[in-house]
Structure formats: structure tokens, C-alpha cells
Amino acid sequence: MPTLYGMPSTAAMAPHILLREIGRPFDLVLLDRGKGEHKSAAYLALNPHGRVPTLVDGDLVLYEAAAICLHLADLYPEAKLAPAVGTPERAEFYKWLIYLTNSVQAEMLLYFYPERHVEGAEAQAAFQAASEARLNGHFDGLDRALAGRTWLLGDTYSAADPYLFMLCRWTRFMGRPARTLANLGPYLARVLERPAVKASFEAEGLDAPYY
């Protein structure tokens, strides 16, 4: 039985939701950041970067949220979390998932951790403001892409949707949360209505505002 290691409201959220969408048994291990469990010798033996998520399934030890999402979509094709390989729809799925992790998520790490890049409160505030402006541009583009669509790929829910939902959740305390945009707002409400998403939030002990 697979085991997903994560922390509440982190990059583990997307694969956590997917595991619940799939509906197969799995174990969820929520590490305690305050106790430094993600830096313990036992966890570093699984993920030498000391970050979440990590999926352990038999001999397979896999980290990086997008990689786990792709693996789960391929491992359980009956869940229909990704279009068929070799189709134009699959190519679009790749485009969105890679964009979300390489462009949007990477920018969010800059926003949340300016101290890793510049020194001094004033410089960090300016760095964060510039990052937030770039994030606003990303979410404006995603909002436009969702016009007339139920899900990111159109009428079909896919692994890209919980990934986008996760990133939008991280904007909830920013100056302009993703939920305030014309298409993203209703989209996020639709994602939250899915039983797998509700169950994931309950398991992670998360309260409103959900996004």
C-alpha cells in the first residue's frame, strides 16, 4: 500500500487529493514541521532534500509533487486523471502541469521566501512585491484560460486541477487572491465541491478560508 508523506497545505496537497480521487487504500503521514520531522534522519533517507511530498510504494521512493501526480495518473488509468498518451489532449495536460510547477510554483517560492535571495527588510519587501506582481500576471493568464471551461482541460477533470487549486490556495492571504478573479473564483468553488478534495482538507485539518 502506498504511503504519502506530507505536511498540511503544502505541495503534498495535489498528490493527496489524487490518491483520494483514485480511491485505493493508502497511508498518509503528516510530518510535524515544528518538530523538524522533515529533517529527521529517517525522512532524509527517503528524500535527501528534506521537503514534501514523498511517495513510497514498495521499492519506489518518489518525490516532487508533479512527478508523483504524473505517476499516479499513469499507474491508475481507470481513474481518468490524464488524457491518453500520444493525444493532443495529453500534450495540453503536460503543458499545464509543467507550467504550474515550473513557472507558477517556482515564482511562489520566491514570494514566500525572499530572505533566501536578498538581505534586509526593505530589499525583501521589494523582492516580494515584484514577485507578487509576476504572480498576478500568471493568475490573470490562468483566469483567461478558464473562460468557458469547467476544468483546466475543458470538460474533463484531470490531475492538473488539484495542482492549480493547491497553488491558488496559497494566494488566499495575498493582496489579490486567485478567488477574486472572474473565472478562477467559480472554478475553485467547483474543485472544492469534489468529495476527494473535501476529504483531503479534513484529513489535513484545514479550515476556512479554503482558498
Foldseek 3Di string as FASTA:
>chain_A
DKEKEEAPLDLSLLLLLLVVLLPDDYHYHHDDVVVPRLVDPVNCVLPVVSHDIWMDDPPDIDGDSLVSQVVSCVVRVVSVQADDPPDPLNVVVVVLSCCLVVPQVVLVVCLVCVVVPDDDPVVSVVSNVVSVVVNVVVLVVQQVCCVQALANSRPDHHSSRSSVLSSLQVCPPPPDGSLPRDRSVVSNVVVCPDPSSVVSCVVNVHDPPRD
